[in-house]
C-alpha atoms as a PDB file:
ATOM      1  CA  UNK A   1     -24.241  23.230  -9.818  1.00  0.00           C
ATOM      2  CA  UNK A   2     -25.111  26.889  -9.630  1.00  0.00           C
ATOM      3  CA  UNK A   3     -23.239  29.619  -7.795  1.00  0.00           C
ATOM      4  CA  UNK A   4     -24.016  33.120  -6.620  1.00  0.00           C
ATOM      5  CA  UNK A   5     -21.374  35.706  -5.782  1.00  0.00           C
ATOM      6  CA  UNK A   6     -23.798  38.491  -4.826  1.00  0.00           C
ATOM      7  CA  UNK A   7     -25.884  37.021  -1.973  1.00  0.00           C
ATOM      8  CA  UNK A   8     -28.298  35.172  -4.260  1.00  0.00           C
ATOM      9  CA  UNK A   9     -29.309  38.032  -6.544  1.00  0.00           C
ATOM     10  CA  UNK A  10     -27.826  36.351  -9.637  1.00  0.00           C
ATOM     11  CA  UNK A  11     -26.947  32.709 -10.263  1.00  0.00           C
ATOM     12  CA  UNK A  12     -24.581  31.104 -12.784  1.00  0.00           C
ATOM     13  CA  UNK A  13     -24.222  27.473 -13.823  1.00  0.00           C
ATOM     14  CA  UNK A  14     -20.643  26.477 -13.089  1.00  0.00           C
ATOM     15  CA  UNK A  15     -20.758  22.677 -13.433  1.00  0.00           C
ATOM     16  CA  UNK A  16     -23.088  20.000 -14.825  1.00  0.00           C
ATOM     17  CA  UNK A  17     -22.860  16.567 -13.240  1.00  0.00           C
ATOM     18  CA  UNK A  18     -22.818  13.504 -15.470  1.00  0.00           C
ATOM     19  CA  UNK A  19     -24.567  10.135 -15.223  1.00  0.00           C
ATOM     20  CA  UNK A  20     -21.884   8.601 -12.998  1.00  0.00           C
ATOM     21  CA  UNK A  21     -22.773  11.186 -10.331  1.00  0.00           C
ATOM     22  CA  UNK A  22     -26.029   9.314  -9.722  1.00  0.00           C
ATOM     23  CA  UNK A  23     -26.586  10.215  -6.086  1.00  0.00           C
ATOM     24  CA  UNK A  24     -24.701  13.316  -5.026  1.00  0.00           C
ATOM     25  CA  UNK A  25     -25.141  13.607  -1.271  1.00  0.00           C
ATOM     26  CA  UNK A  26     -23.790  16.933  -0.064  1.00  0.00           C
ATOM     27  CA  UNK A  27     -21.089  19.551  -0.514  1.00  0.00           C
ATOM     28  CA  UNK A  28     -18.598  21.174   1.847  1.00  0.00           C
ATOM     29  CA  UNK A  29     -16.585  24.257   0.893  1.00  0.00           C
ATOM     30  CA  UNK A  30     -13.838  25.743   3.069  1.00  0.00           C
ATOM     31  CA  UNK A  31     -13.443  28.866   0.922  1.00  0.00           C
ATOM     32  CA  UNK A  32     -14.517  30.140  -2.498  1.00  0.00           C
ATOM     33  CA  UNK A  33     -12.204  27.715  -4.316  1.00  0.00           C
ATOM     34  CA  UNK A  34     -11.847  24.507  -2.284  1.00  0.00           C
ATOM     35  CA  UNK A  35     -14.716  22.100  -1.874  1.00  0.00           C
ATOM     36  CA  UNK A  36     -15.673  18.425  -1.680  1.00  0.00           C
ATOM     37  CA  UNK A  37     -18.750  16.341  -2.318  1.00  0.00           C
ATOM     38  CA  UNK A  38     -19.851  12.797  -1.656  1.00  0.00           C
ATOM     39  CA  UNK A  39     -21.317  10.703  -4.434  1.00  0.00           C
ATOM     40  CA  UNK A  40     -22.868   7.244  -4.293  1.00  0.00           C
ATOM     41  CA  UNK A  41     -22.274   6.162  -7.876  1.00  0.00           C
ATOM     42  CA  UNK A  42     -23.981   3.528  -9.968  1.00  0.00           C
ATOM     43  CA  UNK A  43     -21.355   0.870  -9.141  1.00  0.00           C
ATOM     44  CA  UNK A  44     -22.208   0.842  -5.418  1.00  0.00           C
ATOM     45  CA  UNK A  45     -19.148   2.810  -4.369  1.00  0.00           C
ATOM     46  CA  UNK A  46     -19.024   6.120  -2.536  1.00  0.00           C
ATOM     47  CA  UNK A  47     -16.597   8.623  -4.041  1.00  0.00           C
ATOM     48  CA  UNK A  48     -15.130  11.790  -2.536  1.00  0.00           C
ATOM     49  CA  UNK A  49     -14.643  14.496  -5.167  1.00  0.00           C
ATOM     50  CA  UNK A  50     -12.614  17.701  -4.740  1.00  0.00           C
ATOM     51  CA  UNK A  51     -12.476  21.042  -6.520  1.00  0.00           C
ATOM     52  CA  UNK A  52      -9.822  23.722  -6.180  1.00  0.00           C
ATOM     53  CA  UNK A  53     -11.308  26.101  -8.763  1.00  0.00           C
ATOM     54  CA  UNK A  54     -14.621  26.965  -7.144  1.00  0.00           C
ATOM     55  CA  UNK A  55     -16.547  24.026  -8.605  1.00  0.00           C
ATOM     56  CA  UNK A  56     -15.699  24.443 -12.290  1.00  0.00           C
ATOM     57  CA  UNK A  57     -13.962  21.056 -12.315  1.00  0.00           C
ATOM     58  CA  UNK A  58     -13.969  18.092  -9.923  1.00  0.00           C
ATOM     59  CA  UNK A  59     -11.564  15.191  -9.364  1.00  0.00           C
ATOM     60  CA  UNK A  60     -12.150  11.960  -7.476  1.00  0.00           C
ATOM     61  CA  UNK A  61      -9.715  11.851  -4.542  1.00  0.00           C
ATOM     62  CA  UNK A  62     -10.938   8.726  -2.731  1.00  0.00           C
ATOM     63  CA  UNK A  63     -13.266   5.792  -3.415  1.00  0.00           C
ATOM     64  CA  UNK A  64     -14.910   3.697  -0.717  1.00  0.00           C
ATOM     65  CA  UNK A  65     -15.451   0.361  -2.478  1.00  0.00           C
ATOM     66  CA  UNK A  66     -18.875  -1.191  -1.894  1.00  0.00           C
ATOM     67  CA  UNK A  67     -19.412   0.903   1.214  1.00  0.00           C
ATOM     68  CA  UNK A  68     -22.570   2.986   0.817  1.00  0.00           C
ATOM     69  CA  UNK A  69     -22.740   3.988   4.485  1.00  0.00           C
ATOM     70  CA  UNK A  70     -21.267   7.474   3.960  1.00  0.00           C
ATOM     71  CA  UNK A  71     -23.988  10.125   4.132  1.00  0.00           C
ATOM     72  CA  UNK A  72     -22.493  13.502   5.034  1.00  0.00           C
ATOM     73  CA  UNK A  73     -19.150  15.253   4.507  1.00  0.00           C
ATOM     74  CA  UNK A  74     -17.788  18.327   6.288  1.00  0.00           C
ATOM     75  CA  UNK A  75     -14.357  19.922   5.883  1.00  0.00           C
ATOM     76  CA  UNK A  76     -12.954  22.205   8.564  1.00  0.00           C
ATOM     77  CA  UNK A  77     -10.104  23.412   6.342  1.00  0.00           C
ATOM     78  CA  UNK A  78      -8.380  22.151   3.187  1.00  0.00           C
ATOM     79  CA  UNK A  79      -6.722  19.283   5.093  1.00  0.00           C
ATOM     80  CA  UNK A  80      -9.121  18.189   7.854  1.00  0.00           C
ATOM     81  CA  UNK A  81     -12.488  16.676   6.997  1.00  0.00           C
ATOM     82  CA  UNK A  82     -15.067  14.282   8.384  1.00  0.00           C
ATOM     83  CA  UNK A  83     -17.608  11.844   6.981  1.00  0.00           C
ATOM     84  CA  UNK A  84     -20.459  10.373   9.014  1.00  0.00           C
ATOM     85  CA  UNK A  85     -23.198   7.930   8.160  1.00  0.00           C
ATOM     86  CA  UNK A  86     -25.058   4.759   8.923  1.00  0.00           C
ATOM     87  CA  UNK A  87     -23.971   2.069  11.363  1.00  0.00           C
ATOM     88  CA  UNK A  88     -22.034   4.504  13.549  1.00  0.00           C
ATOM     89  CA  UNK A  89     -19.675   5.502  10.746  1.00  0.00           C
ATOM     90  CA  UNK A  90     -17.210   8.287  11.601  1.00  0.00           C
ATOM     91  CA  UNK A  91     -14.240   8.935   9.299  1.00  0.00           C
ATOM     92  CA  UNK A  92     -11.566  11.641   9.456  1.00  0.00           C
ATOM     93  CA  UNK A  93      -8.993  12.827   6.926  1.00  0.00           C
ATOM     94  CA  UNK A  94      -5.982  15.029   7.556  1.00  0.00           C
ATOM     95  CA  UNK A  95      -4.704  15.097   3.963  1.00  0.00           C
ATOM     96  CA  UNK A  96      -7.542  16.719   2.054  1.00  0.00           C
ATOM     97  CA  UNK A  97      -9.577  13.549   1.545  1.00  0.00           C
ATOM     98  CA  UNK A  98      -6.992  11.224   0.030  1.00  0.00           C
ATOM     99  CA  UNK A  99      -6.886   8.845   3.026  1.00  0.00           C
ATOM    100  CA  UNK A 100      -9.444   8.343   5.787  1.00  0.00           C
ATOM    101  CA  UNK A 101      -9.191   6.960   9.336  1.00  0.00           C
ATOM    102  CA  UNK A 102     -12.168   5.166  10.844  1.00  0.00           C
ATOM    103  CA  UNK A 103     -13.397   5.646  14.415  1.00  0.00           C
ATOM    104  CA  UNK A 104     -15.664   3.090  16.052  1.00  0.00           C
ATOM    105  CA  UNK A 105     -19.004   4.169  17.439  1.00  0.00           C
ATOM    106  CA  UNK A 106     -21.975   2.053  18.455  1.00  0.00           C
ATOM    107  CA  UNK A 107     -23.279   0.352  15.282  1.00  0.00           C
ATOM    108  CA  UNK A 108     -26.825   1.438  16.101  1.00  0.00           C
ATOM    109  CA  UNK A 109     -25.895   5.114  15.651  1.00  0.00           C
ATOM    110  CA  UNK A 110     -27.194   6.865  12.552  1.00  0.00           C
ATOM    111  CA  UNK A 111     -25.045   9.959  12.155  1.00  0.00           C
ATOM    112  CA  UNK A 112     -26.699  12.303   9.691  1.00  0.00           C
ATOM    113  CA  UNK A 113     -24.536  15.402  10.022  1.00  0.00           C
ATOM    114  CA  UNK A 114     -21.312  16.664  11.596  1.00  0.00           C
ATOM    115  CA  UNK A 115     -19.874  20.144  11.929  1.00  0.00           C
ATOM    116  CA  UNK A 116     -16.708  21.547  13.484  1.00  0.00           C
ATOM    117  CA  UNK A 117     -15.834  25.212  14.103  1.00  0.00           C
ATOM    118  CA  UNK A 118     -12.192  24.441  14.923  1.00  0.00           C
ATOM    119  CA  UNK A 119     -10.123  21.247  15.351  1.00  0.00           C
ATOM    120  CA  UNK A 120     -11.313  20.772  18.945  1.00  0.00           C
ATOM    121  CA  UNK A 121     -14.953  21.872  18.859  1.00  0.00           C
END
């Protein structure tokens, strides 16, 4: 992972992912310190990772066992986040990614991205 603090003029390596981070999907940062990423690891699980130091270190906060349908993560703030994906998957967390609630959509939906500007929009 590389980071710029001057609008892309200079870049610094802040974190190197290891072999268990086989398929990192996407990142969502709510500020310069707090961020999350989704990872489909080599065991078939999808793992939500969180940083609170700007990406220098990451901790797994939730594992979806044998799921694989999670494709995109977006956090509105440090508590509220969403995951969408295949088969109409829509998940929401209100505790920073530790627990997730599932919402049913039509199974034929392929949700590739989600974005909120505030809790209602």
